[in-house]
């Protein structure tokens, strides 16, 4: 089937599970009650995605508070109490971050059991998202390695252990989220791709990388205002990504200043075309989604296009996110009917 829709990853937490419309929500429960509520939330979003016609579904990241720290919180070698001021995304904003004090090591499988739970409750293709090595390094202070490339490779080994277990639990797609790729563009070819491929080593399932300009933080909004009428950062990194062993590339196209023609730099990849604007609470029409797909068709074969969301939808109101899922599925169906 052409134009099989998927999503970038996250979906809003229900109000009974966590704070709403926040990138860093606090849980409202704890212990066994929290675990049960997370599973309930994942079931709801699996059903919502299925009903909307989403072909490759995710857990909506209902089992973690944040796409990076939610994975790292059980990884040893990070001192969460030792805070270091650090510029994030090449000093776009400065925050106090946890500090790496030793070689990272998983204290336990992080998402294996959660992935197995989701696998048991959907017959659709299941995708699981993990933070990419470069983005992890741009979220933690280095108090141990002395060289960011070395730290990235160490975290890539940890990610690989997790990814192999997720695959064994039944995940069809493992996606690494690397928003840092279009910030540290020289480092992408120097060591970013190598770290990404190390994280994906040995996987037989489909692999993906998600790259975006950042959402949900005012510093990202203000930065994007400085980028001019065309956002061409992808132009510097797509050739290296195209030469990599990663199967899919996820990027934003809807309501952004990214020239969609840049996807022509990825002739070997399946393209997850962002057709849903996650920075707006306006729900797209199926026609708008189909129009984005039509634009992508000018630069890529139909067989390689999968309509997607621009990024995660965690900060959006729940009803808006559900509406955008339905628009994505209906827009893909409309595009198929026109072939």
C-alpha atoms as a PDB file:
ATOM      1  CA  UNK A   1       0.000   0.000   0.000  1.00  0.00           C
ATOM      2  CA  UNK A   2       1.302   3.447  -0.918  1.00  0.00           C
ATOM      3  CA  UNK A   3       1.703   6.306   1.547  1.00  0.00           C
ATOM      4  CA  UNK A   4       1.490   4.244   4.726  1.00  0.00           C
ATOM      5  CA  UNK A   5       1.230   6.840   7.512  1.00  0.00           C
ATOM      6  CA  UNK A   6       3.236   6.845  10.706  1.00  0.00           C
ATOM      7  CA  UNK A   7       4.075   9.386  13.404  1.00  0.00           C
ATOM      8  CA  UNK A   8       7.345  10.825  14.672  1.00  0.00           C
ATOM      9  CA  UNK A   9       6.790   9.395  18.127  1.00  0.00           C
ATOM     10  CA  UNK A  10       5.212  11.170  21.064  1.00  0.00           C
ATOM     11  CA  UNK A  11       1.545  11.845  21.807  1.00  0.00           C
ATOM     12  CA  UNK A  12      -0.031  13.824  24.671  1.00  0.00           C
ATOM     13  CA  UNK A  13      -0.251  12.328  28.137  1.00  0.00           C
ATOM     14  CA  UNK A  14      -3.860  11.983  29.355  1.00  0.00           C
ATOM     15  CA  UNK A  15      -4.680  14.353  32.209  1.00  0.00           C
ATOM     16  CA  UNK A  16      -5.099  11.497  34.681  1.00  0.00           C
ATOM     17  CA  UNK A  17      -1.564  10.256  33.954  1.00  0.00           C
ATOM     18  CA  UNK A  18       0.558  13.412  33.942  1.00  0.00           C
ATOM     19  CA  UNK A  19       0.515  17.160  33.542  1.00  0.00           C
ATOM     20  CA  UNK A  20      -0.833  18.146  30.162  1.00  0.00           C
ATOM     21  CA  UNK A  21       0.624  20.211  27.312  1.00  0.00           C
ATOM     22  CA  UNK A  22       4.162  20.118  28.713  1.00  0.00           C
ATOM     23  CA  UNK A  23       7.391  18.721  27.289  1.00  0.00           C
ATOM     24  CA  UNK A  24       8.514  17.758  30.808  1.00  0.00           C
ATOM     25  CA  UNK A  25       5.278  16.680  32.546  1.00  0.00           C
ATOM     26  CA  UNK A  26       5.204  15.414  36.119  1.00  0.00           C
ATOM     27  CA  UNK A  27       3.508  12.099  36.779  1.00  0.00           C
ATOM     28  CA  UNK A  28       0.293  12.235  38.825  1.00  0.00           C
ATOM     29  CA  UNK A  29       0.692   8.710  40.174  1.00  0.00           C
ATOM     30  CA  UNK A  30       3.479   6.505  41.465  1.00  0.00           C
ATOM     31  CA  UNK A  31       4.435   2.886  41.891  1.00  0.00           C
ATOM     32  CA  UNK A  32       2.176   0.167  40.542  1.00  0.00           C
ATOM     33  CA  UNK A  33      -0.635   2.659  39.928  1.00  0.00           C
ATOM     34  CA  UNK A  34       1.636   4.681  37.659  1.00  0.00           C
ATOM     35  CA  UNK A  35       2.730   1.590  35.731  1.00  0.00           C
ATOM     36  CA  UNK A  36      -0.890   0.579  35.195  1.00  0.00           C
ATOM     37  CA  UNK A  37      -1.861   4.081  34.075  1.00  0.00           C
ATOM     38  CA  UNK A  38       0.993   4.195  31.571  1.00  0.00           C
ATOM     39  CA  UNK A  39      -0.214   0.940  30.031  1.00  0.00           C
ATOM     40  CA  UNK A  40      -3.777   2.258  29.896  1.00  0.00           C
ATOM     41  CA  UNK A  41      -2.594   5.434  28.142  1.00  0.00           C
ATOM     42  CA  UNK A  42      -0.564   3.429  25.625  1.00  0.00           C
ATOM     43  CA  UNK A  43      -3.616   1.283  24.840  1.00  0.00           C
ATOM     44  CA  UNK A  44      -5.747   4.361  24.226  1.00  0.00           C
ATOM     45  CA  UNK A  45      -3.254   5.834  21.789  1.00  0.00           C
ATOM     46  CA  UNK A  46      -2.668   2.540  19.998  1.00  0.00           C
ATOM     47  CA  UNK A  47      -6.425   2.358  19.395  1.00  0.00           C
ATOM     48  CA  UNK A  48      -6.578   6.017  18.322  1.00  0.00           C
ATOM     49  CA  UNK A  49      -3.799   5.439  15.793  1.00  0.00           C
ATOM     50  CA  UNK A  50      -5.397   2.281  14.449  1.00  0.00           C
ATOM     51  CA  UNK A  51      -8.776   3.997  14.086  1.00  0.00           C
ATOM     52  CA  UNK A  52      -7.088   6.882  12.241  1.00  0.00           C
ATOM     53  CA  UNK A  53      -5.508   4.523   9.714  1.00  0.00           C
ATOM     54  CA  UNK A  54      -1.920   4.872  10.955  1.00  0.00           C
ATOM     55  CA  UNK A  55       0.020   1.928   9.514  1.00  0.00           C
ATOM     56  CA  UNK A  56       3.103   2.056  11.780  1.00  0.00           C
ATOM     57  CA  UNK A  57       2.092   2.955  15.318  1.00  0.00           C
ATOM     58  CA  UNK A  58       4.022   3.912  18.463  1.00  0.00           C
ATOM     59  CA  UNK A  59       3.344   3.851  22.191  1.00  0.00           C
ATOM     60  CA  UNK A  60       3.131   7.644  22.027  1.00  0.00           C
ATOM     61  CA  UNK A  61       6.024   7.699  24.526  1.00  0.00           C
ATOM     62  CA  UNK A  62       3.472   7.201  27.315  1.00  0.00           C
ATOM     63  CA  UNK A  63       6.022   5.308  29.401  1.00  0.00           C
ATOM     64  CA  UNK A  64       8.490   8.211  29.771  1.00  0.00           C
ATOM     65  CA  UNK A  65       8.322  11.880  30.634  1.00  0.00           C
ATOM     66  CA  UNK A  66      10.824  13.122  28.024  1.00  0.00           C
ATOM     67  CA  UNK A  67      12.229  11.617  24.854  1.00  0.00           C
ATOM     68  CA  UNK A  68      15.843  11.867  26.068  1.00  0.00           C
ATOM     69  CA  UNK A  69      15.867  11.900  29.859  1.00  0.00           C
ATOM     70  CA  UNK A  70      13.016   9.405  30.027  1.00  0.00           C
ATOM     71  CA  UNK A  71      15.364   6.840  28.525  1.00  0.00           C
ATOM     72  CA  UNK A  72      18.478   7.931  30.423  1.00  0.00           C
ATOM     73  CA  UNK A  73      17.035   8.010  33.936  1.00  0.00           C
ATOM     74  CA  UNK A  74      17.897   4.339  34.521  1.00  0.00           C
ATOM     75  CA  UNK A  75      21.336   4.491  32.875  1.00  0.00           C
ATOM     76  CA  UNK A  76      24.319   4.344  35.225  1.00  0.00           C
ATOM     77  CA  UNK A  77      27.227   6.765  34.873  1.00  0.00           C
ATOM     78  CA  UNK A  78      25.053   9.898  35.066  1.00  0.00           C
ATOM     79  CA  UNK A  79      24.937  12.034  38.215  1.00  0.00           C
ATOM     80  CA  UNK A  80      21.483  13.606  38.199  1.00  0.00           C
ATOM     81  CA  UNK A  81      22.272  15.732  41.243  1.00  0.00           C
ATOM     82  CA  UNK A  82      25.505  17.167  39.837  1.00  0.00           C
ATOM     83  CA  UNK A  83      24.198  19.944  37.627  1.00  0.00           C
ATOM     84  CA  UNK A  84      26.366  21.725  35.085  1.00  0.00           C
ATOM     85  CA  UNK A  85      25.403  24.829  33.114  1.00  0.00           C
ATOM     86  CA  UNK A  86      25.549  23.998  29.423  1.00  0.00           C
ATOM     87  CA  UNK A  87      24.483  25.572  26.166  1.00  0.00           C
ATOM     88  CA  UNK A  88      21.998  23.329  24.370  1.00  0.00           C
ATOM     89  CA  UNK A  89      21.812  23.149  20.544  1.00  0.00           C
ATOM     90  CA  UNK A  90      25.006  25.160  20.108  1.00  0.00           C
ATOM     91  CA  UNK A  91      24.131  27.630  22.885  1.00  0.00           C
ATOM     92  CA  UNK A  92      20.606  28.267  21.653  1.00  0.00           C
ATOM     93  CA  UNK A  93      19.633  28.195  25.316  1.00  0.00           C
ATOM     94  CA  UNK A  94      21.531  27.518  28.556  1.00  0.00           C
ATOM     95  CA  UNK A  95      20.241  25.192  31.272  1.00  0.00           C
ATOM     96  CA  UNK A  96      21.540  23.159  34.206  1.00  0.00           C
ATOM     97  CA  UNK A  97      21.953  19.588  32.996  1.00  0.00           C
ATOM     98  CA  UNK A  98      22.963  16.305  34.654  1.00  0.00           C
ATOM     99  CA  UNK A  99      26.625  15.345  34.372  1.00  0.00           C
ATOM    100  CA  UNK A 100      28.216  12.195  32.988  1.00  0.00           C
ATOM    101  CA  UNK A 101      30.707  10.969  35.591  1.00  0.00           C
ATOM    102  CA  UNK A 102      31.503   7.490  34.277  1.00  0.00           C
ATOM    103  CA  UNK A 103      31.061   5.148  31.370  1.00  0.00           C
ATOM    104  CA  UNK A 104      27.302   4.698  30.763  1.00  0.00           C
ATOM    105  CA  UNK A 105      25.747   1.329  31.447  1.00  0.00           C
ATOM    106  CA  UNK A 106      22.127   0.208  31.574  1.00  0.00           C
ATOM    107  CA  UNK A 107      20.999  -0.817  35.035  1.00  0.00           C
ATOM    108  CA  UNK A 108      18.141  -2.768  33.412  1.00  0.00           C
ATOM    109  CA  UNK A 109      16.280  -3.068  30.090  1.00  0.00           C
ATOM    110  CA  UNK A 110      14.514   0.291  29.804  1.00  0.00           C
ATOM    111  CA  UNK A 111      11.601  -0.263  27.401  1.00  0.00           C
ATOM    112  CA  UNK A 112      11.700  -3.976  26.542  1.00  0.00           C
ATOM    113  CA  UNK A 113       8.686  -5.017  28.628  1.00  0.00           C
ATOM    114  CA  UNK A 114       6.718  -1.955  27.543  1.00  0.00           C
ATOM    115  CA  UNK A 115       7.390  -2.744  23.892  1.00  0.00           C
ATOM    116  CA  UNK A 116       6.314  -6.352  24.449  1.00  0.00           C
ATOM    117  CA  UNK A 117       3.083  -5.076  26.029  1.00  0.00           C
ATOM    118  CA  UNK A 118       2.352  -2.880  23.004  1.00  0.00           C
ATOM    119  CA  UNK A 119       3.272  -5.693  20.615  1.00  0.00           C
ATOM    120  CA  UNK A 120       0.672  -7.886  22.300  1.00  0.00           C
ATOM    121  CA  UNK A 121      -2.046  -5.266  21.796  1.00  0.00           C
ATOM    122  CA  UNK A 122      -1.674  -4.230  18.163  1.00  0.00           C
ATOM    123  CA  UNK A 123      -1.350  -6.072  14.873  1.00  0.00           C
ATOM    124  CA  UNK A 124       0.064  -2.978  13.136  1.00  0.00           C
ATOM    125  CA  UNK A 125       3.739  -2.377  12.549  1.00  0.00           C
ATOM    126  CA  UNK A 126       5.206  -1.101  15.822  1.00  0.00           C
ATOM    127  CA  UNK A 127       7.839   1.619  16.025  1.00  0.00           C
ATOM    128  CA  UNK A 128       9.859   2.493  19.103  1.00  0.00           C
ATOM    129  CA  UNK A 129      11.792   5.731  19.423  1.00  0.00           C
ATOM    130  CA  UNK A 130      15.105   6.240  21.204  1.00  0.00           C
ATOM    131  CA  UNK A 131      17.243   9.375  21.610  1.00  0.00           C
ATOM    132  CA  UNK A 132      20.187   9.439  19.232  1.00  0.00           C
ATOM    133  CA  UNK A 133      23.802   9.511  20.513  1.00  0.00           C
ATOM    134  CA  UNK A 134      24.556  13.064  19.348  1.00  0.00           C
ATOM    135  CA  UNK A 135      21.373  14.455  20.890  1.00  0.00           C
ATOM    136  CA  UNK A 136      22.143  12.662  24.170  1.00  0.00           C
ATOM    137  CA  UNK A 137      25.546  14.372  24.179  1.00  0.00           C
ATOM    138  CA  UNK A 138      23.826  17.709  23.641  1.00  0.00           C
ATOM    139  CA  UNK A 139      21.613  17.076  26.680  1.00  0.00           C
ATOM    140  CA  UNK A 140      24.209  15.973  29.252  1.00  0.00           C
ATOM    141  CA  UNK A 141      27.424  17.603  30.446  1.00  0.00           C
ATOM    142  CA  UNK A 142      30.619  15.605  29.930  1.00  0.00           C
ATOM    143  CA  UNK A 143      32.518  15.162  33.174  1.00  0.00           C
ATOM    144  CA  UNK A 144      34.269  11.960  32.150  1.00  0.00           C
ATOM    145  CA  UNK A 145      35.223  11.510  28.493  1.00  0.00           C
ATOM    146  CA  UNK A 146      36.776  14.813  27.451  1.00  0.00           C
ATOM    147  CA  UNK A 147      35.697  14.387  23.830  1.00  0.00           C
ATOM    148  CA  UNK A 148      32.088  14.485  22.717  1.00  0.00           C
ATOM    149  CA  UNK A 149      32.643  11.904  19.975  1.00  0.00           C
ATOM    150  CA  UNK A 150      33.898   9.385  22.546  1.00  0.00           C
ATOM    151  CA  UNK A 151      30.920  10.036  24.783  1.00  0.00           C
ATOM    152  CA  UNK A 152      28.546   9.599  21.843  1.00  0.00           C
ATOM    153  CA  UNK A 153      30.063   6.231  20.932  1.00  0.00           C
ATOM    154  CA  UNK A 154      29.742   5.026  24.524  1.00  0.00           C
ATOM    155  CA  UNK A 155      26.072   5.950  24.607  1.00  0.00           C
ATOM    156  CA  UNK A 156      25.641   4.370  21.163  1.00  0.00           C
ATOM    157  CA  UNK A 157      26.722   1.051  22.657  1.00  0.00           C
ATOM    158  CA  UNK A 158      24.086   1.402  25.386  1.00  0.00           C
ATOM    159  CA  UNK A 159      21.444   2.316  22.822  1.00  0.00           C
ATOM    160  CA  UNK A 160      22.396  -0.692  20.723  1.00  0.00           C
ATOM    161  CA  UNK A 161      21.847  -3.072  23.630  1.00  0.00           C
ATOM    162  CA  UNK A 162      18.402  -1.554  24.135  1.00  0.00           C
ATOM    163  CA  UNK A 163      17.526  -1.533  20.433  1.00  0.00           C
ATOM    164  CA  UNK A 164      18.380  -5.217  20.003  1.00  0.00           C
ATOM    165  CA  UNK A 165      16.101  -6.095  22.918  1.00  0.00           C
ATOM    166  CA  UNK A 166      13.307  -3.941  21.502  1.00  0.00           C
ATOM    167  CA  UNK A 167      13.629  -5.742  18.191  1.00  0.00           C
ATOM    168  CA  UNK A 168      13.447  -9.078  19.987  1.00  0.00           C
ATOM    169  CA  UNK A 169      10.315  -7.855  21.795  1.00  0.00           C
ATOM    170  CA  UNK A 170       8.588  -7.402  18.439  1.00  0.00           C
ATOM    171  CA  UNK A 171       9.336  -3.866  17.281  1.00  0.00           C
ATOM    172  CA  UNK A 172       9.317  -3.507  13.502  1.00  0.00           C
ATOM    173  CA  UNK A 173      10.997  -0.086  13.401  1.00  0.00           C
ATOM    174  CA  UNK A 174      13.605   1.428  15.733  1.00  0.00           C
ATOM    175  CA  UNK A 175      13.903   5.202  15.302  1.00  0.00           C
ATOM    176  CA  UNK A 176      16.706   7.329  16.710  1.00  0.00           C
ATOM    177  CA  UNK A 177      15.776  10.972  17.337  1.00  0.00           C
ATOM    178  CA  UNK A 178      18.603  13.320  16.350  1.00  0.00           C
ATOM    179  CA  UNK A 179      17.465  16.964  16.340  1.00  0.00           C
ATOM    180  CA  UNK A 180      21.094  17.857  17.050  1.00  0.00           C
ATOM    181  CA  UNK A 181      22.032  16.696  13.544  1.00  0.00           C
ATOM    182  CA  UNK A 182      20.971  19.949  11.897  1.00  0.00           C
ATOM    183  CA  UNK A 183      22.833  22.047  14.476  1.00  0.00           C
ATOM    184  CA  UNK A 184      26.263  20.392  14.585  1.00  0.00           C
ATOM    185  CA  UNK A 185      26.416  19.751  10.878  1.00  0.00           C
ATOM    186  CA  UNK A 186      30.189  19.311  10.548  1.00  0.00           C
ATOM    187  CA  UNK A 187      30.201  16.752  13.352  1.00  0.00           C
ATOM    188  CA  UNK A 188      27.474  14.712  11.635  1.00  0.00           C
ATOM    189  CA  UNK A 189      29.913  13.498   9.005  1.00  0.00           C
ATOM    190  CA  UNK A 190      32.895  13.491  11.391  1.00  0.00           C
ATOM    191  CA  UNK A 191      31.379  11.185  14.015  1.00  0.00           C
ATOM    192  CA  UNK A 192      27.585  11.570  14.218  1.00  0.00           C
ATOM    193  CA  UNK A 193      26.775   9.028  11.486  1.00  0.00           C
ATOM    194  CA  UNK A 194      29.303   6.569  12.891  1.00  0.00           C
ATOM    195  CA  UNK A 195      27.696   6.815  16.339  1.00  0.00           C
ATOM    196  CA  UNK A 196      24.223   6.434  14.845  1.00  0.00           C
ATOM    197  CA  UNK A 197      25.269   3.335  12.907  1.00  0.00           C
ATOM    198  CA  UNK A 198      26.878   1.920  16.068  1.00  0.00           C
ATOM    199  CA  UNK A 199      23.554   2.354  17.861  1.00  0.00           C
ATOM    200  CA  UNK A 200      21.815   0.430  15.062  1.00  0.00           C
ATOM    201  CA  UNK A 201      24.459  -2.296  14.683  1.00  0.00           C
ATOM    202  CA  UNK A 202      23.060  -5.768  14.141  1.00  0.00           C
ATOM    203  CA  UNK A 203      19.427  -4.720  13.822  1.00  0.00           C
ATOM    204  CA  UNK A 204      17.461  -6.632  11.215  1.00  0.00           C
ATOM    205  CA  UNK A 205      14.305  -4.529  11.648  1.00  0.00           C
ATOM    206  CA  UNK A 206      13.775  -1.218   9.876  1.00  0.00           C
ATOM    207  CA  UNK A 207      15.886   1.643  11.222  1.00  0.00           C
ATOM    208  CA  UNK A 208      15.028   5.347  11.092  1.00  0.00           C
ATOM    209  CA  UNK A 209      16.459   8.693  12.107  1.00  0.00           C
ATOM    210  CA  UNK A 210      14.271  11.676  12.955  1.00  0.00           C
ATOM    211  CA  UNK A 211      15.740  15.137  12.467  1.00  0.00           C
ATOM    212  CA  UNK A 212      13.891  18.368  13.206  1.00  0.00           C
ATOM    213  CA  UNK A 213      14.315  22.008  14.132  1.00  0.00           C
ATOM    214  CA  UNK A 214      12.880  21.693  17.621  1.00  0.00           C
ATOM    215  CA  UNK A 215       9.415  22.336  19.005  1.00  0.00           C
ATOM    216  CA  UNK A 216       7.718  23.253  22.259  1.00  0.00           C
ATOM    217  CA  UNK A 217      10.474  25.540  23.603  1.00  0.00           C
ATOM    218  CA  UNK A 218      10.423  29.308  23.086  1.00  0.00           C
ATOM    219  CA  UNK A 219      14.174  29.340  22.359  1.00  0.00           C
ATOM    220  CA  UNK A 220      13.546  27.086  19.367  1.00  0.00           C
ATOM    221  CA  UNK A 221      10.745  29.309  18.117  1.00  0.00           C
ATOM    222  CA  UNK A 222      12.915  32.412  18.356  1.00  0.00           C
ATOM    223  CA  UNK A 223      15.877  30.676  16.677  1.00  0.00           C
ATOM    224  CA  UNK A 224      13.760  29.591  13.724  1.00  0.00           C
ATOM    225  CA  UNK A 225      12.760  33.216  13.181  1.00  0.00           C
ATOM    226  CA  UNK A 226      16.419  33.961  12.390  1.00  0.00           C
ATOM    227  CA  UNK A 227      16.773  31.315   9.684  1.00  0.00           C
ATOM    228  CA  UNK A 228      15.263  33.300   6.851  1.00  0.00           C
ATOM    229  CA  UNK A 229      12.758  32.292   4.210  1.00  0.00           C
ATOM    230  CA  UNK A 230      14.397  28.906   3.537  1.00  0.00           C
ATOM    231  CA  UNK A 231      15.702  26.412   6.084  1.00  0.00           C
ATOM    232  CA  UNK A 232      18.479  24.553   4.270  1.00  0.00           C
ATOM    233  CA  UNK A 233      20.398  22.915   7.127  1.00  0.00           C
ATOM    234  CA  UNK A 234      19.350  19.490   5.846  1.00  0.00           C
ATOM    235  CA  UNK A 235      21.287  20.172   2.660  1.00  0.00           C
ATOM    236  CA  UNK A 236      24.570  19.816   4.546  1.00  0.00           C
ATOM    237  CA  UNK A 237      23.774  16.488   6.200  1.00  0.00           C
ATOM    238  CA  UNK A 238      21.473  14.570   3.847  1.00  0.00           C
ATOM    239  CA  UNK A 239      24.262  13.284   1.555  1.00  0.00           C
ATOM    240  CA  UNK A 240      26.040  11.709   4.542  1.00  0.00           C
ATOM    241  CA  UNK A 241      22.785  10.249   5.853  1.00  0.00           C
ATOM    242  CA  UNK A 242      21.952   8.886   2.403  1.00  0.00           C
ATOM    243  CA  UNK A 243      25.285   7.042   2.421  1.00  0.00           C
ATOM    244  CA  UNK A 244      24.566   5.551   5.859  1.00  0.00           C
ATOM    245  CA  UNK A 245      23.024   2.178   6.670  1.00  0.00           C
ATOM    246  CA  UNK A 246      19.903   3.761   8.206  1.00  0.00           C
ATOM    247  CA  UNK A 247      16.742   2.891   6.252  1.00  0.00           C
ATOM    248  CA  UNK A 248      14.398   5.838   6.849  1.00  0.00           C
ATOM    249  CA  UNK A 249      14.678   9.590   7.397  1.00  0.00           C
ATOM    250  CA  UNK A 250      11.961  11.588   9.161  1.00  0.00           C
ATOM    251  CA  UNK A 251      11.783  15.344   8.569  1.00  0.00           C
ATOM    252  CA  UNK A 252       9.312  18.212   8.767  1.00  0.00           C
ATOM    253  CA  UNK A 253       7.691  19.645   5.650  1.00  0.00           C
ATOM    254  CA  UNK A 254       4.267  20.999   6.681  1.00  0.00           C
ATOM    255  CA  UNK A 255       4.114  24.717   7.513  1.00  0.00           C
ATOM    256  CA  UNK A 256       7.911  24.945   7.658  1.00  0.00           C
ATOM    257  CA  UNK A 257      10.494  26.753   5.557  1.00  0.00           C
ATOM    258  CA  UNK A 258      12.249  23.528   4.595  1.00  0.00           C
ATOM    259  CA  UNK A 259      12.381  23.302   0.776  1.00  0.00           C
ATOM    260  CA  UNK A 260      10.794  19.930   0.103  1.00  0.00           C
ATOM    261  CA  UNK A 261      13.098  19.573  -2.900  1.00  0.00           C
ATOM    262  CA  UNK A 262      15.887  18.692  -0.437  1.00  0.00           C
ATOM    263  CA  UNK A 263      14.492  15.162  -0.183  1.00  0.00           C
ATOM    264  CA  UNK A 264      16.047  14.567  -3.593  1.00  0.00           C
ATOM    265  CA  UNK A 265      19.337  14.325  -1.671  1.00  0.00           C
ATOM    266  CA  UNK A 266      18.049  11.089  -0.103  1.00  0.00           C
ATOM    267  CA  UNK A 267      17.462   8.861  -3.143  1.00  0.00           C
ATOM    268  CA  UNK A 268      18.271   5.642  -1.237  1.00  0.00           C
ATOM    269  CA  UNK A 269      15.987   6.221   1.756  1.00  0.00           C
ATOM    270  CA  UNK A 270      12.363   5.795   2.713  1.00  0.00           C
ATOM    271  CA  UNK A 271      11.102   9.299   3.487  1.00  0.00           C
ATOM    272  CA  UNK A 272       8.879  10.058   6.467  1.00  0.00           C
ATOM    273  CA  UNK A 273       7.397  13.285   5.130  1.00  0.00           C
ATOM    274  CA  UNK A 274       6.136  15.585   7.862  1.00  0.00           C
ATOM    275  CA  UNK A 275       2.623  16.489   6.718  1.00  0.00           C
ATOM    276  CA  UNK A 276       1.264  17.537  10.117  1.00  0.00           C
ATOM    277  CA  UNK A 277       2.322  20.804  11.779  1.00  0.00           C
ATOM    278  CA  UNK A 278       2.910  20.050  15.461  1.00  0.00           C
ATOM    279  CA  UNK A 279       3.442  23.726  16.323  1.00  0.00           C
ATOM    280  CA  UNK A 280      -0.196  24.595  15.648  1.00  0.00           C
ATOM    281  CA  UNK A 281      -3.439  23.577  17.341  1.00  0.00           C
ATOM    282  CA  UNK A 282      -5.265  23.906  14.024  1.00  0.00           C
ATOM    283  CA  UNK A 283      -6.147  20.452  12.725  1.00  0.00           C
ATOM    284  CA  UNK A 284      -5.166  19.942   9.105  1.00  0.00           C
ATOM    285  CA  UNK A 285      -7.655  18.880   6.478  1.00  0.00           C
ATOM    286  CA  UNK A 286      -7.082  15.662   4.539  1.00  0.00           C
ATOM    287  CA  UNK A 287      -6.636  17.850   1.469  1.00  0.00           C
ATOM    288  CA  UNK A 288      -3.721  19.696   3.103  1.00  0.00           C
ATOM    289  CA  UNK A 289      -2.016  16.407   3.974  1.00  0.00           C
ATOM    290  CA  UNK A 290      -2.559  15.111   0.447  1.00  0.00           C
ATOM    291  CA  UNK A 291      -1.114  18.351  -0.941  1.00  0.00           C
ATOM    292  CA  UNK A 292       2.104  17.865   1.045  1.00  0.00           C
ATOM    293  CA  UNK A 293       2.351  14.322  -0.287  1.00  0.00           C
ATOM    294  CA  UNK A 294       1.812  15.647  -3.816  1.00  0.00           C
ATOM    295  CA  UNK A 295       4.696  18.090  -3.363  1.00  0.00           C
ATOM    296  CA  UNK A 296       6.947  15.281  -2.141  1.00  0.00           C
ATOM    297  CA  UNK A 297       6.043  13.242  -5.227  1.00  0.00           C
ATOM    298  CA  UNK A 298       7.756  15.854  -7.372  1.00  0.00           C
ATOM    299  CA  UNK A 299      11.083  14.834  -5.830  1.00  0.00           C
ATOM    300  CA  UNK A 300      10.762  11.180  -4.738  1.00  0.00           C
ATOM    301  CA  UNK A 301       9.143   7.948  -5.851  1.00  0.00           C
ATOM    302  CA  UNK A 302       5.741   7.212  -4.345  1.00  0.00           C
ATOM    303  CA  UNK A 303       6.984   3.877  -2.973  1.00  0.00           C
ATOM    304  CA  UNK A 304       9.464   5.697  -0.723  1.00  0.00           C
ATOM    305  CA  UNK A 305       7.036   8.204   0.804  1.00  0.00           C
ATOM    306  CA  UNK A 306       5.359   7.698   4.180  1.00  0.00           C
ATOM    307  CA  UNK A 307       3.356  10.687   5.466  1.00  0.00           C
ATOM    308  CA  UNK A 308       4.214  11.504   9.057  1.00  0.00           C
ATOM    309  CA  UNK A 309       3.998  14.207  11.702  1.00  0.00           C
ATOM    310  CA  UNK A 310       6.673  16.914  11.683  1.00  0.00           C
ATOM    311  CA  UNK A 311       7.750  15.931  15.184  1.00  0.00           C
ATOM    312  CA  UNK A 312       6.214  14.606  18.381  1.00  0.00           C
ATOM    313  CA  UNK A 313       2.821  15.853  19.526  1.00  0.00           C
ATOM    314  CA  UNK A 314       3.372  15.550  23.297  1.00  0.00           C
ATOM    315  CA  UNK A 315       2.722  19.258  24.089  1.00  0.00           C
ATOM    316  CA  UNK A 316      -0.569  19.455  22.157  1.00  0.00           C
ATOM    317  CA  UNK A 317      -4.072  19.144  23.619  1.00  0.00           C
ATOM    318  CA  UNK A 318      -5.222  15.544  23.458  1.00  0.00           C
ATOM    319  CA  UNK A 319      -8.218  16.227  21.190  1.00  0.00           C
ATOM    320  CA  UNK A 320      -6.050  18.208  18.777  1.00  0.00           C
ATOM    321  CA  UNK A 321      -3.516  15.392  18.514  1.00  0.00           C
ATOM    322  CA  UNK A 322      -6.303  12.863  17.904  1.00  0.00           C
ATOM    323  CA  UNK A 323      -7.733  15.100  15.181  1.00  0.00           C
ATOM    324  CA  UNK A 324      -4.339  15.427  13.529  1.00  0.00           C
ATOM    325  CA  UNK A 325      -3.971  11.635  13.525  1.00  0.00           C
ATOM    326  CA  UNK A 326      -7.286  11.305  11.712  1.00  0.00           C
ATOM    327  CA  UNK A 327      -6.282  13.997   9.217  1.00  0.00           C
ATOM    328  CA  UNK A 328      -2.993  12.209   8.545  1.00  0.00           C
ATOM    329  CA  UNK A 329      -4.726   8.908   7.854  1.00  0.00           C
ATOM    330  CA  UNK A 330      -7.458  10.459   5.736  1.00  0.00           C
ATOM    331  CA  UNK A 331      -4.954  12.546   3.787  1.00  0.00           C
ATOM    332  CA  UNK A 332      -2.899   9.464   2.967  1.00  0.00           C
ATOM    333  CA  UNK A 333      -6.041   7.686   1.770  1.00  0.00           C
ATOM    334  CA  UNK A 334      -6.947  10.695  -0.389  1.00  0.00           C
ATOM    335  CA  UNK A 335      -3.457  10.704  -1.924  1.00  0.00           C
ATOM    336  CA  UNK A 336      -3.759   6.985  -2.682  1.00  0.00           C
ATOM    337  CA  UNK A 337      -7.090   7.526  -4.408  1.00  0.00           C
ATOM    338  CA  UNK A 338      -5.450  10.009  -6.762  1.00  0.00           C
ATOM    339  CA  UNK A 339      -2.738   7.647  -7.989  1.00  0.00           C
END
